[in-house]
PDB file of N, CA and C in Angstrom:
ATOM      1  N   MET A   1      47.576  90.715   1.889  1.00  0.00           N
ATOM      2  CA  MET A   1      48.518  90.283   2.935  1.00  0.00           C
ATOM      3  C   MET A   1      47.840  90.293   4.301  1.00  0.00           C
ATOM      4  N   LYS A   2      47.963  89.266   5.019  1.00  0.00           N
ATOM      5  CA  LYS A   2      47.352  89.187   6.345  1.00  0.00           C
ATOM      6  C   LYS A   2      48.205  89.824   7.405  1.00  0.00           C
ATOM      7  N   PRO A   3      47.596  90.689   8.189  1.00  0.00           N
ATOM      8  CA  PRO A   3      48.346  91.510   9.125  1.00  0.00           C
ATOM      9  C   PRO A   3      48.829  90.458  10.289  1.00  0.00           C
ATOM     10  N   ASP A   4      49.836  90.991  10.922  1.00  0.00           N
ATOM     11  CA  ASP A   4      50.426  90.283  12.152  1.00  0.00           C
ATOM     12  C   ASP A   4      49.407  90.328  13.262  1.00  0.00           C
ATOM     13  N   ASP A   5      48.938  89.094  13.725  1.00  0.00           N
ATOM     14  CA  ASP A   5      47.903  89.026  14.709  1.00  0.00           C
ATOM     15  C   ASP A   5      48.314  89.740  16.059  1.00  0.00           C
ATOM     16  N   VAL A   6      49.503  89.627  16.395  1.00  0.00           N
ATOM     17  CA  VAL A   6      50.015  90.267  17.626  1.00  0.00           C
ATOM     18  C   VAL A   6      49.936  91.770  17.553  1.00  0.00           C
ATOM     19  N   THR A   7      50.231  92.333  16.379  1.00  0.00           N
ATOM     20  CA  THR A   7      50.027  93.793  16.184  1.00  0.00           C
ATOM     21  C   THR A   7      48.638  94.223  16.124  1.00  0.00           C
ATOM     22  N   VAL A   8      47.765  93.457  15.525  1.00  0.00           N
ATOM     23  CA  VAL A   8      46.335  93.856  15.435  1.00  0.00           C
ATOM     24  C   VAL A   8      45.736  93.693  16.864  1.00  0.00           C
ATOM     25  N   LYS A   9      46.044  92.677  17.536  1.00  0.00           N
ATOM     26  CA  LYS A   9      45.454  92.497  18.835  1.00  0.00           C
ATOM     27  C   LYS A   9      45.943  93.629  19.764  1.00  0.00           C
ATOM     28  N   ALA A  10      47.235  94.032  19.705  1.00  0.00           N
ATOM     29  CA  ALA A  10      47.761  95.069  20.566  1.00  0.00           C
ATOM     30  C   ALA A  10      47.050  96.402  20.202  1.00  0.00           C
ATOM     31  N   ARG A  11      46.774  96.661  18.978  1.00  0.00           N
ATOM     32  CA  ARG A  11      46.107  97.849  18.494  1.00  0.00           C
ATOM     33  C   ARG A  11      44.736  97.890  19.074  1.00  0.00           C
ATOM     34  N   LEU A  12      43.992  96.781  18.996  1.00  0.00           N
ATOM     35  CA  LEU A  12      42.622  96.707  19.525  1.00  0.00           C
ATOM     36  C   LEU A  12      42.627  96.919  21.069  1.00  0.00           C
ATOM     37  N   GLU A  13      43.582  96.329  21.740  1.00  0.00           N
ATOM     38  CA  GLU A  13      43.724  96.542  23.210  1.00  0.00           C
ATOM     39  C   GLU A  13      44.016  98.014  23.514  1.00  0.00           C
ATOM     40  N   GLU A  14      44.829  98.675  22.695  1.00  0.00           N
ATOM     41  CA  GLU A  14      45.146 100.095  22.842  1.00  0.00           C
ATOM     42  C   GLU A  14      43.860 101.001  22.834  1.00  0.00           C
ATOM     43  N   VAL A  15      43.063 100.666  21.704  1.00  0.00           N
ATOM     44  CA  VAL A  15      41.805 101.429  21.601  1.00  0.00           C
ATOM     45  C   VAL A  15      40.870 101.172  22.695  1.00  0.00           C
ATOM     46  N   LEU A  16      40.793  99.928  23.191  1.00  0.00           N
ATOM     47  CA  LEU A  16      39.949  99.512  24.297  1.00  0.00           C
ATOM     48  C   LEU A  16      40.375 100.367  25.489  1.00  0.00           C
ATOM     49  N   GLN A  17      41.597 100.553  25.782  1.00  0.00           N
ATOM     50  CA  GLN A  17      42.065 101.328  26.965  1.00  0.00           C
ATOM     51  C   GLN A  17      41.600 102.822  26.881  1.00  0.00           C
ATOM     52  N   SER A  18      41.224 103.279  25.660  1.00  0.00           N
ATOM     53  CA  SER A  18      40.779 104.698  25.557  1.00  0.00           C
ATOM     54  C   SER A  18      39.380 104.845  26.010  1.00  0.00           C
ATOM     55  N   ILE A  19      38.603 103.768  26.124  1.00  0.00           N
ATOM     56  CA  ILE A  19      37.214 103.814  26.601  1.00  0.00           C
ATOM     57  C   ILE A  19      37.223 103.920  28.139  1.00  0.00           C
ATOM     58  N   ILE A  20      36.825 105.118  28.596  1.00  0.00           N
ATOM     59  CA  ILE A  20      36.939 105.305  30.047  1.00  0.00           C
ATOM     60  C   ILE A  20      35.643 105.315  30.694  1.00  0.00           C
ATOM     61  N   CYS A  21      35.568 104.747  31.875  1.00  0.00           N
ATOM     62  CA  CYS A  21      34.395 104.808  32.717  1.00  0.00           C
ATOM     63  C   CYS A  21      34.640 105.750  33.862  1.00  0.00           C
ATOM     64  N   PRO A  22      33.758 106.728  34.112  1.00  0.00           N
ATOM     65  CA  PRO A  22      34.026 107.528  35.317  1.00  0.00           C
ATOM     66  C   PRO A  22      33.980 106.945  36.645  1.00  0.00           C
ATOM     67  N   VAL A  23      33.297 105.692  36.722  1.00  0.00           N
ATOM     68  CA  VAL A  23      33.246 104.991  38.076  1.00  0.00           C
ATOM     69  C   VAL A  23      34.525 104.229  38.294  1.00  0.00           C
ATOM     70  N   SER A  24      35.039 103.528  37.345  1.00  0.00           N
ATOM     71  CA  SER A  24      36.172 102.640  37.620  1.00  0.00           C
ATOM     72  C   SER A  24      37.484 103.254  37.129  1.00  0.00           C
ATOM     73  N   GLY A  25      37.378 104.216  36.269  1.00  0.00           N
ATOM     74  CA  GLY A  25      38.610 104.830  35.828  1.00  0.00           C
ATOM     75  C   GLY A  25      39.068 104.301  34.477  1.00  0.00           C
ATOM     76  N   CYS A  26      39.252 102.908  34.389  1.00  0.00           N
ATOM     77  CA  CYS A  26      39.796 102.283  33.212  1.00  0.00           C
ATOM     78  C   CYS A  26      39.612 100.764  33.288  1.00  0.00           C
ATOM     79  N   TRP A  27      39.825 100.039  32.262  1.00  0.00           N
ATOM     80  CA  TRP A  27      39.675  98.568  32.120  1.00  0.00           C
ATOM     81  C   TRP A  27      40.582  97.924  33.103  1.00  0.00           C
ATOM     82  N   GLY A  28      41.724  98.490  33.338  1.00  0.00           N
ATOM     83  CA  GLY A  28      42.679  97.768  34.181  1.00  0.00           C
ATOM     84  C   GLY A  28      42.377  97.721  35.637  1.00  0.00           C
ATOM     85  N   LEU A  29      41.400  98.451  36.124  1.00  0.00           N
ATOM     86  CA  LEU A  29      41.171  98.361  37.567  1.00  0.00           C
ATOM     87  C   LEU A  29      40.765  97.012  38.099  1.00  0.00           C
ATOM     88  N   HIS A  30      39.675  96.440  37.413  1.00  0.00           N
ATOM     89  CA  HIS A  30      39.248  95.135  37.835  1.00  0.00           C
ATOM     90  C   HIS A  30      39.512  94.013  36.829  1.00  0.00           C
ATOM     91  N   GLY A  31      39.887  94.394  35.663  1.00  0.00           N
ATOM     92  CA  GLY A  31      40.217  93.438  34.634  1.00  0.00           C
ATOM     93  C   GLY A  31      39.110  93.222  33.642  1.00  0.00           C
ATOM     94  N   ALA A  32      39.238  92.351  32.718  1.00  0.00           N
ATOM     95  CA  ALA A  32      38.257  92.148  31.713  1.00  0.00           C
ATOM     96  C   ALA A  32      38.557  90.732  31.117  1.00  0.00           C
ATOM     97  N   HIS A  33      37.588  90.002  30.731  1.00  0.00           N
ATOM     98  CA  HIS A  33      37.706  88.799  29.980  1.00  0.00           C
ATOM     99  C   HIS A  33      37.705  89.188  28.455  1.00  0.00           C
ATOM    100  N   CYS A  34      38.785  88.905  27.669  1.00  0.00           N
ATOM    101  CA  CYS A  34      38.961  89.288  26.357  1.00  0.00           C
ATOM    102  C   CYS A  34      39.138  88.129  25.479  1.00  0.00           C
ATOM    103  N   GLU A  35      38.505  88.101  24.237  1.00  0.00           N
ATOM    104  CA  GLU A  35      38.766  87.002  23.219  1.00  0.00           C
ATOM    105  C   GLU A  35      39.006  87.844  21.939  1.00  0.00           C
ATOM    106  N   TYR A  36      40.128  87.465  21.316  1.00  0.00           N
ATOM    107  CA  TYR A  36      40.554  88.031  20.098  1.00  0.00           C
ATOM    108  C   TYR A  36      40.372  86.998  18.987  1.00  0.00           C
ATOM    109  N   TYR A  37      39.859  87.354  17.832  1.00  0.00           N
ATOM    110  CA  TYR A  37      39.667  86.367  16.763  1.00  0.00           C
ATOM    111  C   TYR A  37      39.423  87.161  15.414  1.00  0.00           C
ATOM    112  N   HIS A  38      39.464  86.451  14.277  1.00  0.00           N
ATOM    113  CA  HIS A  38      39.091  86.966  13.046  1.00  0.00           C
ATOM    114  C   HIS A  38      37.724  86.479  12.651  1.00  0.00           C
ATOM    115  N   ASP A  39      36.724  87.325  12.570  1.00  0.00           N
ATOM    116  CA  ASP A  39      35.392  87.021  12.253  1.00  0.00           C
ATOM    117  C   ASP A  39      35.225  86.799  10.732  1.00  0.00           C
ATOM    118  N   GLU A  40      35.162  85.597  10.361  1.00  0.00           N
ATOM    119  CA  GLU A  40      35.045  85.244   8.879  1.00  0.00           C
ATOM    120  C   GLU A  40      33.837  85.800   8.254  1.00  0.00           C
ATOM    121  N   GLY A  41      32.820  85.832   9.037  1.00  0.00           N
ATOM    122  CA  GLY A  41      31.467  86.260   8.423  1.00  0.00           C
ATOM    123  C   GLY A  41      31.527  87.806   8.142  1.00  0.00           C
ATOM    124  N   SER A  42      32.043  88.609   8.959  1.00  0.00           N
ATOM    125  CA  SER A  42      32.179  90.067   8.632  1.00  0.00           C
ATOM    126  C   SER A  42      33.446  90.489   8.187  1.00  0.00           C
ATOM    127  N   GLU A  43      34.385  89.527   8.064  1.00  0.00           N
ATOM    128  CA  GLU A  43      35.739  89.824   7.566  1.00  0.00           C
ATOM    129  C   GLU A  43      36.470  90.918   8.312  1.00  0.00           C
ATOM    130  N   CYS A  44      36.347  90.808   9.658  1.00  0.00           N
ATOM    131  CA  CYS A  44      36.987  91.768  10.548  1.00  0.00           C
ATOM    132  C   CYS A  44      37.735  91.076  11.656  1.00  0.00           C
ATOM    133  N   TYR A  45      38.708  91.957  12.173  1.00  0.00           N
ATOM    134  CA  TYR A  45      39.458  91.408  13.367  1.00  0.00           C
ATOM    135  C   TYR A  45      38.758  91.964  14.540  1.00  0.00           C
ATOM    136  N   VAL A  46      38.512  91.130  15.520  1.00  0.00           N
ATOM    137  CA  VAL A  46      37.559  91.455  16.658  1.00  0.00           C
ATOM    138  C   VAL A  46      38.324  91.264  17.990  1.00  0.00           C
ATOM    139  N   LEU A  47      38.079  92.204  18.892  1.00  0.00           N
ATOM    140  CA  LEU A  47      38.455  91.966  20.321  1.00  0.00           C
ATOM    141  C   LEU A  47      37.100  92.101  21.084  1.00  0.00           C
ATOM    142  N   GLU A  48      36.626  90.948  21.496  1.00  0.00           N
ATOM    143  CA  GLU A  48      35.358  90.923  22.256  1.00  0.00           C
ATOM    144  C   GLU A  48      35.700  90.982  23.757  1.00  0.00           C
ATOM    145  N   VAL A  49      35.001  91.806  24.491  1.00  0.00           N
ATOM    146  CA  VAL A  49      35.408  92.125  25.857  1.00  0.00           C
ATOM    147  C   VAL A  49      34.168  92.067  26.812  1.00  0.00           C
ATOM    148  N   TRP A  50      34.380  91.399  27.946  1.00  0.00           N
ATOM    149  CA  TRP A  50      33.379  91.342  28.978  1.00  0.00           C
ATOM    150  C   TRP A  50      33.972  91.868  30.295  1.00  0.00           C
ATOM    151  N   PRO A  51      33.271  92.804  30.979  1.00  0.00           N
ATOM    152  CA  PRO A  51      33.804  93.334  32.269  1.00  0.00           C
ATOM    153  C   PRO A  51      33.805  92.144  33.246  1.00  0.00           C
ATOM    154  N   VAL A  52      34.689  92.236  34.272  1.00  0.00           N
ATOM    155  CA  VAL A  52      34.838  91.267  35.254  1.00  0.00           C
ATOM    156  C   VAL A  52      34.010  91.662  36.440  1.00  0.00           C
ATOM    157  N   ALA A  53      33.159  90.853  37.004  1.00  0.00           N
ATOM    158  CA  ALA A  53      32.291  91.076  38.174  1.00  0.00           C
ATOM    159  C   ALA A  53      33.227  91.002  39.423  1.00  0.00           C
ATOM    160  N   PHE A  54      32.944  91.783  40.343  1.00  0.00           N
ATOM    161  CA  PHE A  54      33.568  91.751  41.608  1.00  0.00           C
ATOM    162  C   PHE A  54      32.592  92.011  42.751  1.00  0.00           C
ATOM    163  N   GLU A  55      32.817  91.602  43.953  1.00  0.00           N
ATOM    164  CA  GLU A  55      31.949  91.897  45.072  1.00  0.00           C
ATOM    165  C   GLU A  55      32.556  93.077  45.723  1.00  0.00           C
ATOM    166  N   GLU A  56      31.650  94.096  46.046  1.00  0.00           N
ATOM    167  CA  GLU A  56      32.037  95.264  46.716  1.00  0.00           C
ATOM    168  C   GLU A  56      32.515  94.909  48.128  1.00  0.00           C
ATOM    169  N   PRO A  57      33.641  95.404  48.511  1.00  0.00           N
ATOM    170  CA  PRO A  57      34.161  95.132  49.838  1.00  0.00           C
ATOM    171  C   PRO A  57      33.193  95.620  50.984  1.00  0.00           C
ATOM    172  N   GLU A  58      33.130  94.885  52.027  1.00  0.00           N
ATOM    173  CA  GLU A  58      32.310  95.247  53.181  1.00  0.00           C
ATOM    174  C   GLU A  58      32.928  96.491  53.863  1.00  0.00           C
ATOM    175  N   ARG A  59      32.048  97.331  54.425  1.00  0.00           N
ATOM    176  CA  ARG A  59      32.537  98.473  55.065  1.00  0.00           C
ATOM    177  C   ARG A  59      32.979  98.094  56.552  1.00  0.00           C
ATOM    178  N   GLU A  60      33.976  98.704  57.009  1.00  0.00           N
ATOM    179  CA  GLU A  60      34.443  98.458  58.400  1.00  0.00           C
ATOM    180  C   GLU A  60      33.398  98.669  59.397  1.00  0.00           C
ATOM    181  N   GLY A  61      33.237  97.757  60.295  1.00  0.00           N
ATOM    182  CA  GLY A  61      32.236  97.833  61.404  1.00  0.00           C
ATOM    183  C   GLY A  61      30.801  97.432  60.887  1.00  0.00           C
ATOM    184  N   CYS A  62      30.710  96.945  59.719  1.00  0.00           N
ATOM    185  CA  CYS A  62      29.383  96.582  59.163  1.00  0.00           C
ATOM    186  C   CYS A  62      29.160  95.061  59.498  1.00  0.00           C
ATOM    187  N   THR A  63      28.000  94.783  59.915  1.00  0.00           N
ATOM    188  CA  THR A  63      27.662  93.371  60.309  1.00  0.00           C
ATOM    189  C   THR A  63      27.189  92.586  59.056  1.00  0.00           C
ATOM    190  N   GLY A  64      26.973  93.327  58.012  1.00  0.00           N
ATOM    191  CA  GLY A  64      26.536  92.601  56.788  1.00  0.00           C
ATOM    192  C   GLY A  64      25.076  92.476  56.655  1.00  0.00           C
ATOM    193  N   GLU A  65      24.337  92.688  57.782  1.00  0.00           N
ATOM    194  CA  GLU A  65      22.920  92.502  57.778  1.00  0.00           C
ATOM    195  C   GLU A  65      22.185  93.701  57.062  1.00  0.00           C
ATOM    196  N   ASP A  66      22.880  94.888  57.105  1.00  0.00           N
ATOM    197  CA  ASP A  66      22.284  96.086  56.567  1.00  0.00           C
ATOM    198  C   ASP A  66      22.711  96.449  55.138  1.00  0.00           C
ATOM    199  N   THR A  67      23.509  95.516  54.594  1.00  0.00           N
ATOM    200  CA  THR A  67      23.981  95.733  53.172  1.00  0.00           C
ATOM    201  C   THR A  67      23.553  94.669  52.277  1.00  0.00           C
ATOM    202  N   ASP A  68      23.480  94.962  51.076  1.00  0.00           N
ATOM    203  CA  ASP A  68      23.218  94.013  50.075  1.00  0.00           C
ATOM    204  C   ASP A  68      24.377  93.533  49.395  1.00  0.00           C
ATOM    205  N   ALA A  69      24.739  92.213  49.414  1.00  0.00           N
ATOM    206  CA  ALA A  69      25.958  91.683  48.828  1.00  0.00           C
ATOM    207  C   ALA A  69      25.856  91.652  47.321  1.00  0.00           C
ATOM    208  N   ALA A  70      25.459  92.722  46.714  1.00  0.00           N
ATOM    209  CA  ALA A  70      25.308  92.792  45.234  1.00  0.00           C
ATOM    210  C   ALA A  70      26.620  92.733  44.482  1.00  0.00           C
ATOM    211  N   ILE A  71      26.564  92.204  43.321  1.00  0.00           N
ATOM    212  CA  ILE A  71      27.718  92.145  42.457  1.00  0.00           C
ATOM    213  C   ILE A  71      27.809  93.507  41.746  1.00  0.00           C
ATOM    214  N   CYS A  72      29.077  94.115  41.739  1.00  0.00           N
ATOM    215  CA  CYS A  72      29.190  95.271  40.978  1.00  0.00           C
ATOM    216  C   CYS A  72      29.807  95.015  39.643  1.00  0.00           C
ATOM    217  N   TYR A  73      29.591  95.816  38.699  1.00  0.00           N
ATOM    218  CA  TYR A  73      30.176  95.663  37.364  1.00  0.00           C
ATOM    219  C   TYR A  73      31.214  96.830  37.231  1.00  0.00           C
ATOM    220  N   GLU A  74      32.175  96.627  36.496  1.00  0.00           N
ATOM    221  CA  GLU A  74      33.200  97.657  36.252  1.00  0.00           C
ATOM    222  C   GLU A  74      32.699  98.874  35.673  1.00  0.00           C
ATOM    223  N   PHE A  75      31.725  98.787  34.822  1.00  0.00           N
ATOM    224  CA  PHE A  75      31.325 100.010  34.081  1.00  0.00           C
ATOM    225  C   PHE A  75      29.935 100.458  34.499  1.00  0.00           C
ATOM    226  N   ALA A  76      29.742 101.709  34.690  1.00  0.00           N
ATOM    227  CA  ALA A  76      28.401 102.225  34.884  1.00  0.00           C
ATOM    228  C   ALA A  76      28.038 103.167  33.607  1.00  0.00           C
ATOM    229  N   GLU A  77      29.141 103.768  33.171  1.00  0.00           N
ATOM    230  CA  GLU A  77      28.944 104.693  32.027  1.00  0.00           C
ATOM    231  C   GLU A  77      30.143 104.454  31.092  1.00  0.00           C
ATOM    232  N   PHE A  78      30.037 104.886  29.822  1.00  0.00           N
ATOM    233  CA  PHE A  78      31.212 104.819  28.936  1.00  0.00           C
ATOM    234  C   PHE A  78      31.454 106.197  28.403  1.00  0.00           C
ATOM    235  N   GLU A  79      32.712 106.500  28.205  1.00  0.00           N
ATOM    236  CA  GLU A  79      33.105 107.862  27.574  1.00  0.00           C
ATOM    237  C   GLU A  79      34.011 107.482  26.406  1.00  0.00           C
ATOM    238  N   PHE A  80      33.420 107.916  25.219  1.00  0.00           N
ATOM    239  CA  PHE A  80      34.109 107.571  23.930  1.00  0.00           C
ATOM    240  C   PHE A  80      34.951 108.770  23.400  1.00  0.00           C
ATOM    241  N   GLY A  81      35.024 109.820  24.142  1.00  0.00           N
ATOM    242  CA  GLY A  81      35.745 111.011  23.636  1.00  0.00           C
ATOM    243  C   GLY A  81      37.191 110.749  23.112  1.00  0.00           C
ATOM    244  N   GLU A  82      37.930 110.006  23.976  1.00  0.00           N
ATOM    245  CA  GLU A  82      39.292 109.693  23.634  1.00  0.00           C
ATOM    246  C   GLU A  82      39.394 108.716  22.558  1.00  0.00           C
ATOM    247  N   THR A  83      38.411 107.800  22.490  1.00  0.00           N
ATOM    248  CA  THR A  83      38.381 106.729  21.312  1.00  0.00           C
ATOM    249  C   THR A  83      38.218 107.506  19.957  1.00  0.00           C
ATOM    250  N   ILE A  84      37.353 108.534  19.928  1.00  0.00           N
ATOM    251  CA  ILE A  84      37.077 109.229  18.665  1.00  0.00           C
ATOM    252  C   ILE A  84      38.349 109.945  18.154  1.00  0.00           C
ATOM    253  N   LYS A  85      39.138 110.443  19.210  1.00  0.00           N
ATOM    254  CA  LYS A  85      40.440 111.074  18.878  1.00  0.00           C
ATOM    255  C   LYS A  85      41.457 110.099  18.296  1.00  0.00           C
ATOM    256  N   LEU A  86      41.314 108.864  18.738  1.00  0.00           N
ATOM    257  CA  LEU A  86      42.331 107.844  18.462  1.00  0.00           C
ATOM    258  C   LEU A  86      42.171 107.182  17.125  1.00  0.00           C
ATOM    259  N   VAL A  87      40.866 106.973  16.702  1.00  0.00           N
ATOM    260  CA  VAL A  87      40.581 106.333  15.439  1.00  0.00           C
ATOM    261  C   VAL A  87      39.342 106.994  14.836  1.00  0.00           C
ATOM    262  N   SER A  88      39.279 106.826  13.495  1.00  0.00           N
ATOM    263  CA  SER A  88      38.168 107.281  12.671  1.00  0.00           C
ATOM    264  C   SER A  88      37.137 106.335  12.630  1.00  0.00           C
ATOM    265  N   LEU A  89      36.137 106.345  13.393  1.00  0.00           N
ATOM    266  CA  LEU A  89      35.059 105.324  13.605  1.00  0.00           C
ATOM    267  C   LEU A  89      34.225 105.334  12.346  1.00  0.00           C
ATOM    268  N   GLU A  90      33.992 104.051  11.964  1.00  0.00           N
ATOM    269  CA  GLU A  90      33.086 103.799  10.809  1.00  0.00           C
ATOM    270  C   GLU A  90      31.677 103.534  11.363  1.00  0.00           C
ATOM    271  N   HIS A  91      31.641 102.840  12.586  1.00  0.00           N
ATOM    272  CA  HIS A  91      30.418 102.698  13.240  1.00  0.00           C
ATOM    273  C   HIS A  91      30.473 102.571  14.698  1.00  0.00           C
ATOM    274  N   LEU A  92      29.526 103.024  15.433  1.00  0.00           N
ATOM    275  CA  LEU A  92      29.484 102.921  16.809  1.00  0.00           C
ATOM    276  C   LEU A  92      27.968 102.532  17.066  1.00  0.00           C
ATOM    277  N   HIS A  93      27.777 101.337  17.578  1.00  0.00           N
ATOM    278  CA  HIS A  93      26.362 100.824  17.647  1.00  0.00           C
ATOM    279  C   HIS A  93      26.237 100.273  19.082  1.00  0.00           C
ATOM    280  N   PHE A  94      25.078 100.648  19.695  1.00  0.00           N
ATOM    281  CA  PHE A  94      24.691 100.013  21.026  1.00  0.00           C
ATOM    282  C   PHE A  94      23.450  99.142  20.807  1.00  0.00           C
ATOM    283  N   SER A  95      23.520  97.884  21.231  1.00  0.00           N
ATOM    284  CA  SER A  95      22.338  96.998  21.193  1.00  0.00           C
ATOM    285  C   SER A  95      21.823  96.871  22.606  1.00  0.00           C
ATOM    286  N   GLN A  96      20.689  97.402  22.918  1.00  0.00           N
ATOM    287  CA  GLN A  96      20.209  97.220  24.325  1.00  0.00           C
ATOM    288  C   GLN A  96      19.809  95.796  24.611  1.00  0.00           C
ATOM    289  N   ARG A  97      19.225  95.200  23.539  1.00  0.00           N
ATOM    290  CA  ARG A  97      18.833  93.755  23.684  1.00  0.00           C
ATOM    291  C   ARG A  97      20.041  92.803  24.031  1.00  0.00           C
ATOM    292  N   ARG A  98      21.105  93.049  23.265  1.00  0.00           N
ATOM    293  CA  ARG A  98      22.242  92.211  23.489  1.00  0.00           C
ATOM    294  C   ARG A  98      23.223  92.734  24.600  1.00  0.00           C
ATOM    295  N   GLU A  99      22.927  94.025  25.002  1.00  0.00           N
ATOM    296  CA  GLU A  99      23.864  94.626  26.035  1.00  0.00           C
ATOM    297  C   GLU A  99      25.260  94.677  25.528  1.00  0.00           C
ATOM    298  N   ILE A 100      25.449  95.317  24.379  1.00  0.00           N
ATOM    299  CA  ILE A 100      26.843  95.374  23.833  1.00  0.00           C
ATOM    300  C   ILE A 100      27.018  96.584  22.912  1.00  0.00           C
ATOM    301  N   PHE A 101      28.188  97.253  22.997  1.00  0.00           N
ATOM    302  CA  PHE A 101      28.695  98.277  22.087  1.00  0.00           C
ATOM    303  C   PHE A 101      29.467  97.555  21.014  1.00  0.00           C
ATOM    304  N   GLU A 102      29.228  97.981  19.756  1.00  0.00           N
ATOM    305  CA  GLU A 102      30.075  97.518  18.730  1.00  0.00           C
ATOM    306  C   GLU A 102      30.715  98.707  18.134  1.00  0.00           C
ATOM    307  N   ILE A 103      32.025  98.769  18.058  1.00  0.00           N
ATOM    308  CA  ILE A 103      32.761  99.923  17.594  1.00  0.00           C
ATOM    309  C   ILE A 103      33.724  99.509  16.493  1.00  0.00           C
ATOM    310  N   GLY A 104      33.607 100.004  15.286  1.00  0.00           N
ATOM    311  CA  GLY A 104      34.310  99.539  14.172  1.00  0.00           C
ATOM    312  C   GLY A 104      34.988 100.651  13.467  1.00  0.00           C
ATOM    313  N   TRP A 105      36.146 100.375  12.825  1.00  0.00           N
ATOM    314  CA  TRP A 105      36.981 101.289  12.017  1.00  0.00           C
ATOM    315  C   TRP A 105      37.860 100.521  11.120  1.00  0.00           C
ATOM    316  N   LYS A 106      38.460 101.125  10.192  1.00  0.00           N
ATOM    317  CA  LYS A 106      39.496 100.611   9.215  1.00  0.00           C
ATOM    318  C   LYS A 106      40.828 101.204   9.576  1.00  0.00           C
ATOM    319  N   GLU A 107      41.864 100.286   9.511  1.00  0.00           N
ATOM    320  CA  GLU A 107      43.249 100.686   9.598  1.00  0.00           C
ATOM    321  C   GLU A 107      44.065  99.841   8.723  1.00  0.00           C
ATOM    322  N   GLU A 108      44.893 100.476   7.840  1.00  0.00           N
ATOM    323  CA  GLU A 108      45.801  99.788   6.871  1.00  0.00           C
ATOM    324  C   GLU A 108      44.981  98.795   6.103  1.00  0.00           C
ATOM    325  N   GLY A 109      43.831  99.109   5.632  1.00  0.00           N
ATOM    326  CA  GLY A 109      43.061  98.226   4.786  1.00  0.00           C
ATOM    327  C   GLY A 109      42.320  97.132   5.522  1.00  0.00           C
ATOM    328  N   GLN A 110      42.432  97.044   6.844  1.00  0.00           N
ATOM    329  CA  GLN A 110      41.772  96.035   7.514  1.00  0.00           C
ATOM    330  C   GLN A 110      40.620  96.570   8.378  1.00  0.00           C
ATOM    331  N   ASP A 111      39.513  95.726   8.500  1.00  0.00           N
ATOM    332  CA  ASP A 111      38.410  96.145   9.372  1.00  0.00           C
ATOM    333  C   ASP A 111      38.696  95.664  10.779  1.00  0.00           C
ATOM    334  N   LEU A 112      38.601  96.551  11.784  1.00  0.00           N
ATOM    335  CA  LEU A 112      38.832  96.227  13.196  1.00  0.00           C
ATOM    336  C   LEU A 112      37.528  96.555  13.958  1.00  0.00           C
ATOM    337  N   GLU A 113      37.333  95.764  15.021  1.00  0.00           N
ATOM    338  CA  GLU A 113      36.128  95.984  15.724  1.00  0.00           C
ATOM    339  C   GLU A 113      36.285  95.565  17.216  1.00  0.00           C
ATOM    340  N   LEU A 114      35.759  96.455  18.097  1.00  0.00           N
ATOM    341  CA  LEU A 114      35.655  96.151  19.540  1.00  0.00           C
ATOM    342  C   LEU A 114      34.226  95.746  19.783  1.00  0.00           C
ATOM    343  N   ARG A 115      33.939  94.662  20.463  1.00  0.00           N
ATOM    344  CA  ARG A 115      32.619  94.285  20.880  1.00  0.00           C
ATOM    345  C   ARG A 115      32.632  94.347  22.383  1.00  0.00           C
ATOM    346  N   VAL A 116      32.138  95.387  22.968  1.00  0.00           N
ATOM    347  CA  VAL A 116      32.221  95.712  24.411  1.00  0.00           C
ATOM    348  C   VAL A 116      30.954  95.290  25.143  1.00  0.00           C
ATOM    349  N   HIS A 117      30.863  94.201  25.892  1.00  0.00           N
ATOM    350  CA  HIS A 117      29.740  93.860  26.536  1.00  0.00           C
ATOM    351  C   HIS A 117      29.507  94.583  27.923  1.00  0.00           C
ATOM    352  N   LEU A 118      28.261  94.710  28.323  1.00  0.00           N
ATOM    353  CA  LEU A 118      28.057  95.406  29.583  1.00  0.00           C
ATOM    354  C   LEU A 118      27.968  94.462  30.733  1.00  0.00           C
ATOM    355  N   ILE A 119      27.523  93.225  30.512  1.00  0.00           N
ATOM    356  CA  ILE A 119      27.309  92.275  31.562  1.00  0.00           C
ATOM    357  C   ILE A 119      28.435  91.247  31.520  1.00  0.00           C
ATOM    358  N   PRO A 120      29.110  90.924  32.667  1.00  0.00           N
ATOM    359  CA  PRO A 120      30.130  89.870  32.658  1.00  0.00           C
ATOM    360  C   PRO A 120      29.689  88.494  32.057  1.00  0.00           C
ATOM    361  N   GLN A 121      30.630  87.915  31.367  1.00  0.00           N
ATOM    362  CA  GLN A 121      30.374  86.560  30.847  1.00  0.00           C
ATOM    363  C   GLN A 121      30.648  85.602  31.967  1.00  0.00           C
ATOM    364  N   GLU A 122      29.862  84.502  31.883  1.00  0.00           N
ATOM    365  CA  GLU A 122      30.079  83.358  32.784  1.00  0.00           C
ATOM    366  C   GLU A 122      31.176  82.526  32.295  1.00  0.00           C
ATOM    367  N   VAL A 123      32.353  82.704  32.924  1.00  0.00           N
ATOM    368  CA  VAL A 123      33.544  81.975  32.568  1.00  0.00           C
ATOM    369  C   VAL A 123      33.746  80.806  33.467  1.00  0.00           C
ATOM    370  N   ASP A 124      33.825  79.670  32.877  1.00  0.00           N
ATOM    371  CA  ASP A 124      34.006  78.363  33.704  1.00  0.00           C
ATOM    372  C   ASP A 124      35.351  78.405  34.338  1.00  0.00           C
ATOM    373  N   GLU A 125      35.454  78.154  35.552  1.00  0.00           N
ATOM    374  CA  GLU A 125      36.772  77.979  36.261  1.00  0.00           C
ATOM    375  C   GLU A 125      37.357  76.602  35.913  1.00  0.00           C
ATOM    376  N   ILE A 126      38.608  76.545  35.619  1.00  0.00           N
ATOM    377  CA  ILE A 126      39.390  75.344  35.248  1.00  0.00           C
ATOM    378  C   ILE A 126      40.037  74.843  36.488  1.00  0.00           C
TER     379      ILE A 126
END
């Protein structure tokens, strides 16, 4: 029996919210670009997530000459303590080359996976 996609996606999003970053507090602060799909190759339901880039606001009274207009990323560190309490992880893998965390577990006979990227995806503006 195929699970309800809305329910599976909501569960993946719930677990995603448990991954806390001490710098930003949570995913909701600046947002994220998410793609939900069923990965036929690995037979799992996936929520793939990229942080949203944002420009750090200029400080009051600053001319801009003495600051670097660097792009900030929502996450500096990840904390998986709450995630481990929420689900029984089957795997937690970090690929430095691909700059991604892959977090997988089973629920109700289905394989679920979060693929959390560290670098924002270039999303075309429509």
